[in-house]
């Protein structure tokens, strides 16, 4: 288990399920989690680049646009961003 915490947009259930199976600690993508958590990555659907008005939120984690990607590709992108 890798114990990486990843914030996932609520409509990406397939990505959240896959990442959880791979050992990631997934949480909802909201302002509280962006501000108060040490995140390894943030996963968005890409349908709305300004999710809940958070385009101005300060976040040190890489943001991954999952639009058109399989869950496996998202996981690979998270792994690559950690290196």
C-alpha atoms as a PDB file:
ATOM      1  CA  UNK A   1       0.000   0.000   0.000  1.00  0.00           C
ATOM      2  CA  UNK A   2       1.365   3.400  -0.964  1.00  0.00           C
ATOM      3  CA  UNK A   3      -0.629   5.659   1.446  1.00  0.00           C
ATOM      4  CA  UNK A   4      -0.879   8.458  -1.099  1.00  0.00           C
ATOM      5  CA  UNK A   5      -3.866  10.762  -0.579  1.00  0.00           C
ATOM      6  CA  UNK A   6      -5.651  11.793  -3.764  1.00  0.00           C
ATOM      7  CA  UNK A   7      -8.581  14.215  -4.083  1.00  0.00           C
ATOM      8  CA  UNK A   8     -10.997  13.012  -6.769  1.00  0.00           C
ATOM      9  CA  UNK A   9     -13.867  14.938  -8.351  1.00  0.00           C
ATOM     10  CA  UNK A  10     -17.178  13.372  -7.215  1.00  0.00           C
ATOM     11  CA  UNK A  11     -18.333  12.275 -10.685  1.00  0.00           C
ATOM     12  CA  UNK A  12     -15.245  10.094 -11.238  1.00  0.00           C
ATOM     13  CA  UNK A  13     -16.435   7.022  -9.346  1.00  0.00           C
ATOM     14  CA  UNK A  14     -14.636   4.598 -11.673  1.00  0.00           C
ATOM     15  CA  UNK A  15     -11.321   6.398 -11.097  1.00  0.00           C
ATOM     16  CA  UNK A  16     -11.899   6.623  -7.329  1.00  0.00           C
ATOM     17  CA  UNK A  17     -12.738   2.895  -7.144  1.00  0.00           C
ATOM     18  CA  UNK A  18      -9.665   1.902  -9.136  1.00  0.00           C
ATOM     19  CA  UNK A  19      -7.317   4.120  -7.141  1.00  0.00           C
ATOM     20  CA  UNK A  20      -8.756   2.782  -3.870  1.00  0.00           C
ATOM     21  CA  UNK A  21      -8.143  -0.784  -5.074  1.00  0.00           C
ATOM     22  CA  UNK A  22      -4.561   0.207  -5.856  1.00  0.00           C
ATOM     23  CA  UNK A  23      -4.049   1.431  -2.288  1.00  0.00           C
ATOM     24  CA  UNK A  24      -4.616   5.157  -2.672  1.00  0.00           C
ATOM     25  CA  UNK A  25      -6.470   7.038   0.065  1.00  0.00           C
ATOM     26  CA  UNK A  26      -9.143   8.887  -1.946  1.00  0.00           C
ATOM     27  CA  UNK A  27     -11.076  11.882  -0.674  1.00  0.00           C
ATOM     28  CA  UNK A  28     -13.621  14.240  -2.207  1.00  0.00           C
ATOM     29  CA  UNK A  29     -12.384  17.175  -4.195  1.00  0.00           C
ATOM     30  CA  UNK A  30     -13.547  20.148  -2.146  1.00  0.00           C
ATOM     31  CA  UNK A  31     -12.039  23.322  -0.745  1.00  0.00           C
ATOM     32  CA  UNK A  32     -11.498  21.792   2.702  1.00  0.00           C
ATOM     33  CA  UNK A  33      -9.457  18.875   1.357  1.00  0.00           C
ATOM     34  CA  UNK A  34      -7.454  21.125  -0.959  1.00  0.00           C
ATOM     35  CA  UNK A  35      -6.548  23.495   1.851  1.00  0.00           C
ATOM     36  CA  UNK A  36      -6.041  21.126   4.749  1.00  0.00           C
ATOM     37  CA  UNK A  37      -4.597  17.934   3.359  1.00  0.00           C
ATOM     38  CA  UNK A  38      -1.245  16.768   2.101  1.00  0.00           C
ATOM     39  CA  UNK A  39      -2.296  15.529  -1.326  1.00  0.00           C
ATOM     40  CA  UNK A  40      -0.278  13.542  -3.823  1.00  0.00           C
ATOM     41  CA  UNK A  41      -2.589  14.579  -6.665  1.00  0.00           C
ATOM     42  CA  UNK A  42      -5.922  16.117  -7.580  1.00  0.00           C
ATOM     43  CA  UNK A  43      -8.000  14.360 -10.251  1.00  0.00           C
ATOM     44  CA  UNK A  44     -10.583  16.335 -12.224  1.00  0.00           C
ATOM     45  CA  UNK A  45     -12.966  15.246 -14.970  1.00  0.00           C
ATOM     46  CA  UNK A  46     -11.984  18.050 -17.311  1.00  0.00           C
ATOM     47  CA  UNK A  47     -15.609  18.937 -18.019  1.00  0.00           C
ATOM     48  CA  UNK A  48     -15.292  22.012 -15.824  1.00  0.00           C
ATOM     49  CA  UNK A  49     -11.777  23.338 -15.354  1.00  0.00           C
ATOM     50  CA  UNK A  50     -12.977  25.617 -12.546  1.00  0.00           C
ATOM     51  CA  UNK A  51     -14.477  22.936 -10.307  1.00  0.00           C
ATOM     52  CA  UNK A  52     -16.705  24.572  -7.682  1.00  0.00           C
ATOM     53  CA  UNK A  53     -14.854  27.868  -8.141  1.00  0.00           C
ATOM     54  CA  UNK A  54     -11.566  26.346  -7.019  1.00  0.00           C
ATOM     55  CA  UNK A  55      -9.355  27.534  -9.849  1.00  0.00           C
ATOM     56  CA  UNK A  56      -7.939  30.077  -7.429  1.00  0.00           C
ATOM     57  CA  UNK A  57      -7.360  27.595  -4.599  1.00  0.00           C
ATOM     58  CA  UNK A  58      -3.739  27.125  -3.630  1.00  0.00           C
ATOM     59  CA  UNK A  59      -2.712  23.518  -4.027  1.00  0.00           C
ATOM     60  CA  UNK A  60       0.787  22.112  -4.246  1.00  0.00           C
ATOM     61  CA  UNK A  61      -0.344  18.758  -5.674  1.00  0.00           C
ATOM     62  CA  UNK A  62      -0.340  18.092  -9.416  1.00  0.00           C
ATOM     63  CA  UNK A  63      -3.756  18.376 -11.054  1.00  0.00           C
ATOM     64  CA  UNK A  64      -4.588  15.517 -13.408  1.00  0.00           C
ATOM     65  CA  UNK A  65      -7.278  16.004 -16.039  1.00  0.00           C
ATOM     66  CA  UNK A  66      -8.831  12.539 -16.408  1.00  0.00           C
ATOM     67  CA  UNK A  67     -10.905  13.441 -19.478  1.00  0.00           C
ATOM     68  CA  UNK A  68     -10.591  10.590 -21.984  1.00  0.00           C
ATOM     69  CA  UNK A  69      -8.304   8.547 -19.733  1.00  0.00           C
ATOM     70  CA  UNK A  70      -8.802   5.072 -18.302  1.00  0.00           C
ATOM     71  CA  UNK A  71      -8.411   4.718 -14.514  1.00  0.00           C
ATOM     72  CA  UNK A  72      -5.141   2.846 -15.100  1.00  0.00           C
ATOM     73  CA  UNK A  73      -3.775   5.817 -17.037  1.00  0.00           C
ATOM     74  CA  UNK A  74      -4.739   8.185 -14.217  1.00  0.00           C
ATOM     75  CA  UNK A  75      -2.895   5.975 -11.710  1.00  0.00           C
ATOM     76  CA  UNK A  76       0.162   5.936 -13.977  1.00  0.00           C
ATOM     77  CA  UNK A  77       0.059   9.725 -14.251  1.00  0.00           C
ATOM     78  CA  UNK A  78      -0.053   9.993 -10.436  1.00  0.00           C
ATOM     79  CA  UNK A  79       2.911   7.649 -10.122  1.00  0.00           C
ATOM     80  CA  UNK A  80       4.886   9.604 -12.721  1.00  0.00           C
ATOM     81  CA  UNK A  81       4.204  12.918 -10.996  1.00  0.00           C
ATOM     82  CA  UNK A  82       5.658  11.558  -7.743  1.00  0.00           C
ATOM     83  CA  UNK A  83       9.013  10.809  -9.341  1.00  0.00           C
END
